[in-house]
Each structure stands twice: as C-alpha cells, then as structure tokens.
Amino acid sequence: MKITYDRFVSIMSAKNKPAAVVKPGDTVVFETRDCFGSQYKHGNEDESDIDKSLINPATGPLYIDGAEPGDCLKVTIVDIKLVGKAQMEKRFFFEITDGLLIFDGKTTIPINPMVGVIGTAPPVGVDVPTHTPGMHGGNMDCTMITAGALVYLPVNVPGALLAMGDLHAVMGDGEVCGYGAEIAGEVTVRVDIIKGFKHPLPLVEKDGVVAAVASADTLDEACRLAVENMAEYLVNIGYSKDKAMLLLSLKGDLGVCQIVNPLKTARMEFMV
C-alpha cells in the first residue's frame, strides 16, 4: 500500500481523518514532499508565492487497526528512497550522485537518508504542528531514524494515526542552520502493535543501540529528560536506579538531535 504525498497533515491531531487503514504487520509506503512542500523549483521564487500551509507536511495519517491508547506502535524503517535534488533554504540545491551529495566543486558528503518527522497523534484535545516534536514523536530530527531503525511511539488515540515526512539526504546532529539536505522521497515501513510496553517513549533502536529521545523548551531540559528516560529503560530491564545512572555515565552517549525547532530534542544512547 502507498499513501501519496497529496494526503498530508500540518498538525498532528486526533481529529485528522485517516488516509489509509492497515493491520499490524502490514507494510506501507509513505510518499513525501520536502519540508518546503516541494514548492521551490528553481530557487528564485518569490516568498509571497509560497503557501505557508504546505510547509513541513507529514504524509498520512495511517490508522493501524487494533491500536488502542496505552499501546506502543513499533515502526520498522524498511527503506528510504530519495527523489530529486536536495535543498537548503530556497537558494541552495544539491545533486546526489553515486551516494554522494555534491555540496560544491571541492566538497562531497556521503548521504545518510533519514526521517525528520515521524509521529502519532497526541492525546485527544492536544494538537501539535508537524514542525514541533514532543512525547508523540513529531519533528525529532533524530539521525538514528534511517533504514533499519525501529521507532517506538505511543498510541494515544484509536488507530495511532501515524504520519511522517521531512526527509533528509544527510544532516548533522543539531541541524544548526535550521535545515538538513531537505528532499522528497518514499519511506517504506512495517507497523506493529506492542501491548504492555513499559519503556518511556519515544524510543529508537538501531544496530544494537537504544536511544531515549526527549524534547523540551530548553536543550538542558531535553537532555535531562532523555537521561531519565534511558535510566528508566535500564531499570525496566533489571538494573537498580543507581547502577543505571552509573552505566549511563560510563558507556552512554548523550547527543543533540536538533536545536532549531520550537522544542529542542536530545537523545541518550546506550549499547545494550
């Protein structure tokens, strides 16, 4: 099944009507525009001609049959296919050739396709713009969310209402100028429901590394929450709270996902 990019939302909300319905274990392709709504074609467009309602679209939402509040939605990123040129701001376009982003005549960068926005609907009565991260996921801009990653998200409303977009061909941790290499594409995912999941969410797993992702008004607060959530994860798998914190100080890696969105996002990584 494919959800085309014309089915998108600009707000994560329980009020959004599903673009498609699937069962647990199904595979779905999300076709996405870039974060500008694919409105910049040449870089010389007038800002007044740009429809701001199309900025940072998230394709979906997808209704997963049987997902109920309190469940965990497990999203396996099966594949990410990039389409067209990458872009930063309205003026800078980059060709991608043989797995390399051509930055300029002397600099190339290996691509690392990732999903910037992936989230479920927040609880009923709470609406969150797609450019903002939170406990529901959203615009986390976590560089771990690449092909092969597992993303664990809360189910706050029936069906979960999963949506995603804001692909990057490559992005450095922090996204310090406000943009990665923004690009359109297709994300193939498998969706599963986990009942009785006890770990803090959102959670990302890739290549044996588990990361608690947290967002807050300040980066300090986001870091504190990420550490606390990762410590809770370790307690849940059998460590005492004291030993969990010692382990995180010895072999945990605290990283910055992004510092440019309305809420800042950090992650606490641990090799399990």
Protein backbone atom coordinates (compact mmCIF):
# COMPACT_ATOMS: atom_id res chain seq x y z
CA MET A 1 0.00 0.00 0.00
CA LYS A 2 1.17 3.52 -0.75
CA ILE A 3 -0.03 6.78 0.78
CA THR A 4 0.67 9.51 -1.76
CA TYR A 5 2.06 12.89 -0.80
CA ASP A 6 -1.21 14.68 -1.53
CA ARG A 7 -2.58 13.07 1.65
CA PHE A 8 -0.77 15.04 4.32
CA VAL A 9 -1.32 16.91 7.56
CA SER A 10 0.28 20.02 9.01
CA ILE A 11 -0.91 19.25 12.55
CA MET A 12 -0.67 16.01 14.48
CA SER A 13 -4.14 15.58 15.94
CA ALA A 14 -6.76 13.03 16.92
CA LYS A 15 -9.11 14.98 14.63
CA ASN A 16 -7.21 14.04 11.46
CA LYS A 17 -9.07 11.68 9.14
CA PRO A 18 -7.08 8.55 8.22
CA ALA A 19 -5.52 8.47 4.77
CA ALA A 20 -5.40 4.65 4.91
CA VAL A 21 -6.14 1.74 7.23
CA VAL A 22 -3.88 -1.29 7.72
CA LYS A 23 -3.46 -4.23 10.07
CA PRO A 24 -0.48 -4.89 12.35
CA GLY A 25 2.36 -6.45 10.40
CA ASP A 26 1.47 -4.67 7.16
CA THR A 27 3.99 -2.76 5.09
CA VAL A 28 3.19 0.75 3.87
CA VAL A 29 4.97 3.27 1.63
CA PHE A 30 4.72 6.93 2.62
CA GLU A 31 5.38 9.23 -0.33
CA THR A 32 6.66 12.57 0.97
CA ARG A 33 7.32 16.10 -0.23
CA ASP A 34 10.33 18.00 1.08
CA CYS A 35 9.92 20.28 4.10
CA PHE A 36 9.11 23.21 1.82
CA GLY A 37 6.17 21.32 0.37
CA SER A 38 8.27 20.89 -2.81
CA GLN A 39 7.32 24.45 -3.75
CA TYR A 40 10.81 25.71 -4.58
CA LYS A 41 11.66 24.55 -8.08
CA HIS A 42 14.36 26.99 -9.18
CA GLY A 43 15.34 29.00 -6.09
CA ASN A 44 14.13 32.30 -7.47
CA GLU A 45 10.51 32.00 -6.35
CA ASP A 46 9.03 35.00 -4.56
CA GLU A 47 8.32 34.31 -0.88
CA SER A 48 4.83 35.75 -1.33
CA ASP A 49 4.05 32.96 -3.78
CA ILE A 50 4.85 30.23 -1.25
CA ASP A 51 1.87 28.67 0.53
CA LYS A 52 2.91 28.54 4.19
CA SER A 53 0.23 25.91 4.91
CA LEU A 54 2.24 23.46 2.80
CA ILE A 55 5.44 23.84 4.83
CA ASN A 56 6.67 20.74 6.71
CA PRO A 57 3.94 18.36 5.53
CA ALA A 58 3.65 14.92 7.11
CA THR A 59 2.12 12.27 4.88
CA GLY A 60 -0.79 10.40 6.44
CA PRO A 61 -2.13 9.72 8.91
CA LEU A 62 -2.21 5.94 8.85
CA TYR A 63 -4.77 4.13 11.01
CA ILE A 64 -3.49 0.81 12.39
CA ASP A 65 -6.38 -1.50 13.16
CA GLY A 66 -6.36 -2.69 16.76
CA ALA A 67 -4.06 0.03 18.12
CA GLU A 68 -5.55 1.35 21.35
CA PRO A 69 -4.49 4.07 23.79
CA GLY A 70 -1.77 2.75 26.05
CA ASP A 71 -0.26 0.51 23.37
CA CYS A 72 3.11 1.06 21.72
CA LEU A 73 3.41 1.41 17.96
CA LYS A 74 6.57 -0.21 16.61
CA VAL A 75 7.60 1.25 13.25
CA THR A 76 10.32 -0.55 11.31
CA ILE A 77 12.01 1.71 8.75
CA VAL A 78 12.44 -0.79 5.93
CA ASP A 79 13.75 1.55 3.25
CA ILE A 80 14.15 5.23 2.35
CA LYS A 81 14.19 6.20 -1.31
CA LEU A 82 15.21 9.75 -2.21
CA VAL A 83 13.67 11.62 -5.15
CA GLY A 84 15.20 14.58 -6.98
CA LYS A 85 17.67 17.17 -5.72
CA ALA A 86 18.29 18.07 -2.11
CA GLN A 87 17.81 21.63 -0.94
CA MET A 88 18.75 24.01 1.88
CA GLU A 89 16.80 27.25 2.14
CA LYS A 90 15.30 28.37 -1.14
CA ARG A 91 18.55 29.09 -2.98
CA PHE A 92 20.76 26.05 -2.47
CA PHE A 93 20.11 22.90 -4.50
CA PHE A 94 22.40 19.85 -4.45
CA GLU A 95 22.76 16.97 -6.86
CA ILE A 96 23.12 13.47 -5.45
CA THR A 97 25.38 11.14 -7.41
CA ASP A 98 26.66 7.67 -6.50
CA GLY A 99 25.62 8.08 -2.88
CA LEU A 100 27.28 11.47 -2.53
CA LEU A 101 25.76 14.91 -2.07
CA ILE A 102 27.67 17.36 -4.25
CA PHE A 103 27.99 20.36 -1.94
CA ASP A 104 30.30 22.40 -4.18
CA GLY A 105 33.22 21.93 -6.53
CA LYS A 106 35.53 20.70 -3.79
CA THR A 107 33.26 19.11 -1.18
CA THR A 108 31.12 15.97 -1.33
CA ILE A 109 29.24 14.37 1.56
CA PRO A 110 28.14 10.72 1.82
CA ILE A 111 24.36 10.61 2.09
CA ASN A 112 22.61 9.08 5.09
CA PRO A 113 18.87 9.22 4.33
CA MET A 114 16.78 9.83 7.46
CA VAL A 115 13.24 10.68 8.52
CA GLY A 116 12.97 14.05 10.27
CA VAL A 117 9.27 13.91 11.21
CA ILE A 118 7.60 10.73 12.42
CA GLY A 119 4.87 10.64 15.00
CA THR A 120 1.48 9.53 16.17
CA ALA A 121 -1.46 11.71 17.16
CA PRO A 122 -1.17 13.32 20.61
CA PRO A 123 -3.96 12.70 23.14
CA VAL A 124 -7.46 13.95 22.33
CA GLY A 125 -7.67 17.71 22.76
CA VAL A 126 -3.97 18.29 22.06
CA ASP A 127 -2.94 19.47 18.58
CA VAL A 128 0.77 19.75 17.71
CA PRO A 129 2.12 21.31 14.48
CA THR A 130 4.25 18.96 12.42
CA HIS A 131 7.29 21.21 12.86
CA THR A 132 7.22 20.62 16.63
CA PRO A 133 8.49 17.49 18.44
CA GLY A 134 7.08 16.05 21.65
CA MET A 135 6.12 12.89 23.51
CA HIS A 136 4.22 11.78 20.40
CA GLY A 137 7.39 11.95 18.28
CA GLY A 138 6.96 14.55 15.54
CA ASN A 139 9.83 16.72 14.31
CA MET A 140 12.54 14.99 16.34
CA ASP A 141 15.19 15.20 13.59
CA CYS A 142 16.98 12.19 15.04
CA THR A 143 19.79 11.00 12.76
CA MET A 144 19.31 7.42 14.00
CA ILE A 145 15.99 7.17 12.13
CA THR A 146 17.41 5.63 8.98
CA ALA A 147 16.74 2.38 7.11
CA GLY A 148 16.88 -0.50 9.59
CA ALA A 149 15.85 1.58 12.60
CA LEU A 150 12.99 0.67 14.90
CA VAL A 151 10.94 3.62 16.16
CA TYR A 152 8.69 3.07 19.17
CA LEU A 153 5.88 5.62 19.56
CA PRO A 154 2.95 5.98 21.95
CA VAL A 155 -0.59 5.15 20.88
CA ASN A 156 -2.68 7.98 22.31
CA VAL A 157 -5.84 7.57 20.22
CA PRO A 158 -7.51 4.60 18.49
CA GLY A 159 -5.56 3.64 15.36
CA ALA A 160 -2.46 5.61 16.46
CA LEU A 161 -2.68 7.90 13.37
CA LEU A 162 0.93 7.64 12.19
CA ALA A 163 2.30 10.35 9.89
CA MET A 164 5.79 11.16 8.62
CA GLY A 165 7.82 13.41 6.33
CA ASP A 166 10.72 15.89 6.33
CA LEU A 167 13.27 13.53 4.77
CA HIS A 168 16.93 14.50 4.74
CA ALA A 169 19.55 13.12 2.38
CA VAL A 170 22.05 13.91 5.12
CA MET A 171 22.01 16.00 8.29
CA GLY A 172 24.46 16.68 11.09
CA ASP A 173 23.36 16.34 14.70
CA GLY A 174 21.88 19.66 15.81
CA GLU A 175 20.64 20.76 12.36
CA VAL A 176 22.33 24.01 13.35
CA CYS A 177 21.25 26.25 10.46
CA GLY A 178 17.67 25.02 10.57
CA TYR A 179 17.90 22.68 7.60
CA GLY A 180 19.29 19.32 6.64
CA ALA A 181 19.60 18.37 2.98
CA GLU A 182 15.83 18.58 2.50
CA ILE A 183 14.44 16.21 -0.10
CA ALA A 184 11.33 14.41 -1.30
CA GLY A 185 11.13 10.64 -1.28
CA GLU A 186 9.42 7.46 -0.17
CA VAL A 187 9.63 5.73 3.19
CA THR A 188 8.72 2.06 3.40
CA VAL A 189 7.74 0.96 6.90
CA ARG A 190 6.24 -2.02 8.69
CA VAL A 191 3.88 -1.29 11.57
CA ASP A 192 3.30 -3.50 14.61
CA ILE A 193 1.48 -3.07 17.91
CA ILE A 194 3.09 -3.94 21.24
CA LYS A 195 0.74 -4.43 24.19
CA GLY A 196 2.01 -3.70 27.69
CA PHE A 197 5.16 -1.88 26.55
CA LYS A 198 6.66 -0.41 29.74
CA HIS A 199 9.55 1.72 28.48
CA PRO A 200 9.48 5.52 28.10
CA LEU A 201 8.61 6.78 24.63
CA PRO A 202 9.70 7.82 22.04
CA LEU A 203 12.45 5.24 21.72
CA VAL A 204 14.70 4.46 18.75
CA GLU A 205 16.73 1.28 18.21
CA LYS A 206 19.40 0.76 15.57
CA ASP A 207 22.35 -1.66 15.30
CA GLY A 208 22.21 -2.66 18.97
CA VAL A 209 21.94 0.91 20.23
CA VAL A 210 18.80 2.02 22.06
CA ALA A 211 18.12 5.75 22.38
CA ALA A 212 15.59 7.57 24.52
CA VAL A 213 14.50 10.71 22.66
CA ALA A 214 13.13 13.70 24.56
CA SER A 215 12.05 17.23 23.68
CA ALA A 216 11.63 20.30 25.88
CA ASP A 217 11.71 24.10 25.88
CA THR A 218 15.46 24.11 26.52
CA LEU A 219 18.24 21.78 25.48
CA ASP A 220 19.24 21.33 29.14
CA GLU A 221 15.76 20.09 29.98
CA ALA A 222 15.64 17.84 26.91
CA CYS A 223 18.96 16.28 27.93
CA ARG A 224 17.76 15.72 31.49
CA LEU A 225 14.58 14.02 30.28
CA ALA A 226 16.48 11.83 27.81
CA VAL A 227 18.85 10.67 30.55
CA GLU A 228 16.00 9.99 32.98
CA ASN A 229 14.07 8.04 30.36
CA MET A 230 17.10 5.95 29.43
CA ALA A 231 17.76 5.25 33.11
CA GLU A 232 14.14 4.10 33.44
CA TYR A 233 14.67 1.79 30.46
CA LEU A 234 17.67 0.22 32.19
CA VAL A 235 15.73 -0.17 35.45
CA ASN A 236 12.97 -1.91 33.49
CA ILE A 237 15.45 -4.47 32.16
CA GLY A 238 16.83 -5.26 35.59
CA TYR A 239 19.30 -2.64 36.84
CA SER A 240 18.91 -0.64 40.03
CA LYS A 241 18.45 3.12 39.59
CA ASP A 242 21.92 3.79 41.00
CA LYS A 243 23.61 1.29 38.71
CA ALA A 244 21.61 2.54 35.73
CA MET A 245 22.96 6.06 36.19
CA LEU A 246 26.50 4.77 36.67
CA LEU A 247 26.23 2.75 33.47
CA LEU A 248 24.97 5.75 31.52
CA SER A 249 27.90 7.80 32.76
CA LEU A 250 30.35 5.06 31.75
CA LYS A 251 29.04 3.89 28.38
CA GLY A 252 26.06 6.04 27.48
CA ASP A 253 26.27 8.75 24.82
CA LEU A 254 24.21 11.90 25.18
CA GLY A 255 23.55 13.54 21.82
CA VAL A 256 21.76 16.53 20.35
CA CYS A 257 19.14 15.82 17.70
CA GLN A 258 18.14 19.40 16.91
CA ILE A 259 18.33 22.89 18.44
CA VAL A 260 16.19 24.79 15.93
CA ASN A 261 12.58 23.67 16.41
CA PRO A 262 10.05 25.19 18.84
CA LEU A 263 11.12 22.47 21.30
CA LYS A 264 14.72 21.21 21.43
CA THR A 265 15.45 17.49 21.15
CA ALA A 266 18.16 15.31 22.70
CA ARG A 267 18.78 11.57 22.83
CA MET A 268 20.50 9.31 25.31
CA GLU A 269 22.09 6.34 23.56
CA PHE A 270 23.08 3.05 25.16
CA MET A 271 24.61 -0.04 23.55
CA VAL A 272 22.62 -2.90 25.05
